[in-house]
Amino acid sequence: MTAEELRSDRFGPTVLVHLGSAYNSLNESSLEKVEKFLLNCADQPDAQNLVVDLSSTQYFGSRFIESLFRAHNRMKRKGGRFALAGLQPYPEEIIKISKLDSVWSIFKTPTEAIQTMNAGMPTL
C-alpha cells in the first residue's frame, strides 16, 4: 500500500481525505487504519471542515459508517463541519437508504465540497 492510497490534503480550513483504490472495498482489516487516519485528520486543531473523498470506494458496510460517524462527531464537537464527496452508486444508495444524507453534506466532487465549505471562511 502506497502513501497515495490514504492521504489528506489541506485547502485552507478544510481537510480533504482521499481513500485510494486500495480502499475500493472497505473490509475489517483496513477499517482500523482508515478510522485512525480520519480521526487524526478531524483532530487537527485548525481544521474547521473535513471532507472524505469516496471516489474510489465501490463498497462499504456498517462498520465504516460507524467510523464516519466518529469523525463527524469529532468535527461537530469542535464546531466544524463534515461532508462526503464522490460517492459511487452503491455507497450512495446505502447513504440515502439510511437517510444519512440528511445528517451529512453530500457533494458530487471533492472540488465542489471544498468550494462550498470554504465559502465565506477565512483561509488559514
Protein backbone atom coordinates (compact mmCIF):
# COMPACT_ATOMS: atom_id res chain seq x y z
CA MET A 1 0.00 0.00 0.00
CA THR A 2 1.45 3.35 -1.01
CA ALA A 3 1.14 6.69 0.73
CA GLU A 4 -1.18 7.76 -2.08
CA GLU A 5 -3.74 5.17 -1.01
CA LEU A 6 -4.66 7.02 2.18
CA ARG A 7 -3.73 10.67 2.32
CA SER A 8 -5.03 14.10 3.17
CA ASP A 9 -4.69 17.49 1.54
CA ARG A 10 -5.29 20.86 3.11
CA PHE A 11 -7.36 23.60 1.47
CA GLY A 12 -7.47 26.47 3.94
CA PRO A 13 -9.76 25.42 6.81
CA THR A 14 -10.76 22.19 5.04
CA VAL A 15 -9.01 18.83 5.25
CA LEU A 16 -9.74 16.53 2.30
CA VAL A 17 -9.18 12.82 2.98
CA HIS A 18 -8.59 10.62 -0.06
CA LEU A 19 -9.23 6.90 0.10
CA GLY A 20 -7.29 5.38 -2.80
CA SER A 21 -8.02 2.27 -4.80
CA ALA A 22 -6.71 0.01 -2.02
CA TYR A 23 -9.87 1.03 -0.14
CA ASN A 24 -12.21 0.14 -3.02
CA SER A 25 -13.99 -2.30 -0.73
CA LEU A 26 -13.55 -1.40 2.89
CA ASN A 27 -13.09 -4.59 4.89
CA GLU A 28 -12.33 -5.12 8.56
CA SER A 29 -8.58 -5.34 8.01
CA SER A 30 -8.37 -1.85 6.54
CA LEU A 31 -11.04 -0.19 8.68
CA GLU A 32 -8.89 0.38 11.75
CA LYS A 33 -6.26 2.20 9.71
CA VAL A 34 -8.86 4.33 7.91
CA GLU A 35 -10.69 5.21 11.12
CA LYS A 36 -7.49 6.21 12.90
CA PHE A 37 -6.49 8.35 9.92
CA LEU A 38 -9.93 10.04 9.76
CA LEU A 39 -9.89 10.82 13.47
CA ASN A 40 -6.35 12.21 13.29
CA CYS A 41 -7.45 14.50 10.46
CA ALA A 42 -10.52 15.59 12.43
CA ASP A 43 -8.33 16.30 15.45
CA GLN A 44 -6.11 18.79 13.63
CA PRO A 45 -6.52 21.91 15.79
CA ASP A 46 -7.11 24.36 12.94
CA ALA A 47 -9.26 22.05 10.76
CA GLN A 48 -12.74 23.52 10.51
CA ASN A 49 -14.08 21.14 7.86
CA LEU A 50 -13.47 17.50 7.00
CA VAL A 51 -14.35 16.10 3.56
CA VAL A 52 -13.99 12.38 2.79
CA ASP A 53 -13.42 11.63 -0.89
CA LEU A 54 -15.01 8.27 -1.68
CA SER A 55 -14.50 8.43 -5.45
CA SER A 56 -12.52 5.17 -5.46
CA THR A 57 -14.70 3.32 -2.95
CA GLN A 58 -17.21 0.93 -4.51
CA TYR A 59 -18.48 -0.74 -1.35
CA PHE A 60 -18.60 -0.25 2.40
CA GLY A 61 -20.63 -1.57 5.28
CA SER A 62 -21.99 -0.54 8.64
CA ARG A 63 -18.60 -0.62 10.36
CA PHE A 64 -17.27 2.05 8.01
CA ILE A 65 -20.39 4.14 8.56
CA GLU A 66 -19.58 3.96 12.27
CA SER A 67 -16.09 5.31 11.51
CA LEU A 68 -17.61 8.16 9.52
CA PHE A 69 -19.91 8.97 12.46
CA ARG A 70 -16.94 9.11 14.80
CA ALA A 71 -15.16 11.60 12.52
CA HIS A 72 -18.39 13.58 12.09
CA ASN A 73 -18.89 13.75 15.86
CA ARG A 74 -15.31 14.96 16.43
CA MET A 75 -15.84 17.75 13.91
CA LYS A 76 -19.24 18.65 15.37
CA ARG A 77 -17.87 18.84 18.94
CA LYS A 78 -15.36 21.46 17.87
CA GLY A 79 -17.90 23.42 15.80
CA GLY A 80 -16.65 22.10 12.46
CA ARG A 81 -18.40 20.54 9.50
CA PHE A 82 -18.22 17.12 7.87
CA ALA A 83 -19.05 16.02 4.32
CA LEU A 84 -18.71 13.17 1.84
CA ALA A 85 -17.78 13.60 -1.81
CA GLY A 86 -17.59 11.43 -4.91
CA LEU A 87 -19.98 8.72 -3.77
CA GLN A 88 -20.20 5.79 -6.16
CA PRO A 89 -23.64 4.23 -6.87
CA TYR A 90 -23.70 1.52 -4.19
CA PRO A 91 -22.32 3.65 -1.34
CA GLU A 92 -24.65 6.48 -2.37
CA GLU A 93 -27.60 4.10 -2.16
CA ILE A 94 -26.53 2.98 1.33
CA ILE A 95 -26.23 6.59 2.49
CA LYS A 96 -29.65 7.52 1.08
CA ILE A 97 -31.47 4.41 2.36
CA SER A 98 -30.09 5.01 5.83
CA LYS A 99 -31.06 8.70 5.49
CA LEU A 100 -27.54 9.81 6.33
CA ASP A 101 -27.76 12.35 3.52
CA SER A 102 -29.90 14.35 5.97
CA VAL A 103 -27.07 14.22 8.55
CA TRP A 104 -24.02 14.74 6.34
CA SER A 105 -23.49 17.09 3.42
CA ILE A 106 -23.02 15.13 0.20
CA PHE A 107 -21.19 16.56 -2.83
CA LYS A 108 -20.64 15.15 -6.30
CA THR A 109 -16.95 16.07 -6.33
CA PRO A 110 -14.30 16.94 -3.76
CA THR A 111 -13.78 20.28 -5.52
CA GLU A 112 -17.45 21.17 -5.09
CA ALA A 113 -17.27 20.20 -1.41
CA ILE A 114 -14.17 22.30 -0.76
CA GLN A 115 -15.54 25.35 -2.57
CA THR A 116 -18.87 25.17 -0.74
CA MET A 117 -17.42 24.52 2.68
CA ASN A 118 -14.73 27.20 2.36
CA ALA A 119 -17.14 29.86 1.06
CA GLY A 120 -17.07 32.80 3.41
CA MET A 121 -14.46 31.25 5.68
CA PRO A 122 -11.03 32.75 6.22
CA THR A 123 -8.15 30.71 4.81
CA LEU A 124 -5.55 29.69 7.36
